[in-house]
Protein backbone atom coordinates (compact mmCIF):
# COMPACT_ATOMS: atom_id res chain seq x y z
CA MET A 1 25.22 3.35 65.78
CA LYS A 2 21.90 5.02 66.41
CA GLN A 3 20.38 3.52 63.30
CA LYS A 4 21.72 -0.01 64.09
CA ASN A 5 20.08 0.07 67.50
CA SER A 6 16.90 1.50 66.16
CA LEU A 7 16.31 -1.12 63.48
CA PRO A 8 14.99 -3.79 65.96
CA ALA A 9 12.51 -1.26 67.26
CA LEU A 10 11.46 -0.40 63.77
CA SER A 11 11.04 -4.05 63.00
CA ASN A 12 8.93 -4.47 66.15
CA GLU A 13 6.71 -1.61 65.06
CA ILE A 14 6.24 -3.13 61.61
CA ASN A 15 5.30 -6.45 63.21
CA SER A 16 2.89 -4.65 65.40
CA LEU A 17 1.41 -3.02 62.30
CA ASP A 18 1.05 -6.33 60.67
CA SER A 19 -0.68 -7.70 63.78
CA SER A 20 -3.05 -4.72 63.82
CA PHE A 21 -4.05 -5.33 60.20
CA ASP A 22 -4.67 -9.10 61.04
CA SER A 23 -6.76 -8.00 64.11
CA ILE A 24 -8.93 -5.63 62.04
CA GLU A 25 -9.50 -8.29 59.35
CA LYS A 26 -10.40 -10.84 62.03
CA SER A 27 -12.79 -8.39 63.67
CA ILE A 28 -14.57 -7.77 60.42
CA ASN A 29 -14.83 -11.44 59.61
CA ASN A 30 -16.09 -12.30 63.13
CA MET A 31 -18.75 -9.50 62.84
CA ALA A 32 -20.09 -11.07 59.66
CA SER A 33 -20.16 -14.58 61.03
CA SER A 34 -21.46 -13.73 64.38
CA LEU A 35 -24.41 -11.81 62.90
CA SER A 36 -25.41 -14.64 60.52
CA LEU A 37 -27.40 -16.56 63.31
CA LEU A 38 -29.15 -13.36 64.20
CA ASP A 39 -29.83 -12.38 60.55
CA ASN A 40 -31.35 -15.85 59.93
CA ALA A 41 -33.67 -15.35 62.95
CA ILE A 42 -34.68 -11.89 61.68
CA LYS A 43 -35.42 -13.40 58.22
CA ASN A 44 -37.49 -16.25 59.71
CA VAL A 45 -39.50 -13.94 61.97
CA THR A 46 -40.04 -11.48 59.17
CA ASP A 47 -41.24 -14.32 56.90
CA GLY A 48 -43.57 -15.54 59.62
CA THR A 49 -41.64 -18.77 60.14
CA TYR A 50 -41.43 -19.92 63.78
CA LEU A 51 -38.08 -20.88 65.30
CA SER A 52 -37.29 -24.38 66.44
CA GLY A 53 -36.11 -25.10 69.95
CA GLN A 54 -32.55 -25.72 68.51
CA GLU A 55 -32.53 -22.29 66.88
CA ILE A 56 -33.80 -20.63 70.08
CA SER A 57 -31.03 -22.57 72.04
CA LYS A 58 -28.30 -21.32 69.76
CA LEU A 59 -29.65 -17.76 69.95
CA ILE A 60 -29.79 -17.59 73.66
CA ILE A 61 -26.36 -19.20 74.01
CA LYS A 62 -24.97 -16.53 71.73
CA TYR A 63 -27.22 -13.74 72.97
CA PRO A 64 -28.20 -14.43 76.60
CA GLU A 65 -30.06 -11.04 76.60
CA LEU A 66 -32.80 -12.61 74.50
CA VAL A 67 -33.73 -15.29 77.12
CA ASP A 68 -36.59 -13.25 78.53
CA LYS A 69 -37.76 -12.10 75.08
CA ILE A 70 -38.76 -15.46 73.74
CA LEU A 71 -42.34 -15.72 72.72
CA GLN A 72 -43.81 -19.24 72.67
CA THR A 73 -46.79 -20.01 70.49
CA SER A 74 -48.69 -23.16 69.63
CA LYS A 75 -46.62 -23.43 66.45
CA GLY A 76 -43.12 -22.77 67.85
CA TYR A 77 -41.05 -19.95 69.19
CA THR A 78 -40.49 -16.38 67.92
CA PHE A 79 -39.39 -12.98 68.96
CA GLU A 80 -40.77 -9.53 68.34
CA ILE A 81 -38.94 -8.38 65.28
CA GLU A 82 -37.97 -5.12 66.91
CA VAL A 83 -36.19 -7.02 69.68
CA LEU A 84 -33.96 -8.85 67.09
CA GLN A 85 -33.39 -5.67 65.05
CA LYS A 86 -32.37 -3.71 68.08
CA LEU A 87 -29.99 -6.41 69.28
CA ARG A 88 -28.47 -6.58 65.82
CA GLU A 89 -27.92 -2.81 65.76
CA GLU A 90 -26.31 -2.92 69.18
CA LYS A 91 -24.00 -5.74 68.13
CA ILE A 92 -23.03 -3.84 64.95
CA ASN A 93 -22.22 -0.74 66.96
CA GLU A 94 -20.18 -2.69 69.45
CA GLN A 95 -18.13 -4.23 66.58
CA LYS A 96 -17.83 -0.78 64.92
CA THR A 97 -16.34 0.54 68.08
CA SER A 98 -13.92 -2.32 68.40
CA ILE A 99 -12.85 -2.01 64.83
CA GLN A 100 -12.38 1.73 65.04
CA ALA A 101 -10.17 1.27 68.09
CA GLU A 102 -8.05 -1.18 66.08
CA ILE A 103 -7.83 1.27 63.18
CA ASP A 104 -6.78 4.08 65.68
CA ILE A 105 -4.02 1.85 67.08
CA THR A 106 -2.90 1.03 63.57
CA ALA A 107 -2.80 4.73 62.55
CA LYS A 108 -0.71 5.52 65.60
CA THR A 109 1.72 2.63 64.65
CA LEU A 110 1.93 4.00 61.09
CA GLN A 111 2.66 7.41 62.38
CA SER A 112 5.41 6.07 64.69
CA ILE A 113 6.95 4.14 61.74
CA LYS A 114 6.76 7.22 59.57
CA SER A 115 8.54 9.37 62.24
CA ARG A 116 11.26 6.70 62.52
CA LEU A 117 11.81 6.53 58.77
CA VAL A 118 12.01 10.41 58.60
CA GLY A 119 14.60 10.15 61.38
CA TYR A 120 16.66 7.67 59.40
CA GLN A 121 16.71 10.02 56.41
CA SER A 122 18.23 12.87 58.43
C-alpha cells in the first residue's frame, strides 16, 4: 500500500524535475536573446558607429539604468563603452545567479527522487 500511495508523489516530483529543466533552458535562451541588443550596441560603439534614436529607445526601454548615461553628439547618440560593458557583466551575473538557483532546485528534486526510488527497492 505504501508504494501505491507514493507513486503519485513520485510522479509529481518527476514532473517538477521536467519543469526545472525547462526553466533552466528558458533562462539560458532568454539570457542570450536579452543580451543581443546590448551586444549590438557594444559592437557599434566599439566600431565608432553612432546609435540611432530608435536604438537608444530600445536600449533605455530594456535597460532604464542607461537613461542618464546617453551621450549626444552632432552625429548621433553613444555611450561610454565601459558603461555598456559593465551593464552587460551585471546582467550576465544576474542570469548566472538565477540559473544556478534553478540548478540547485533541480539537484534537490533529483536527490528526492533518488531517495524515493531507493525506498521502493527496500
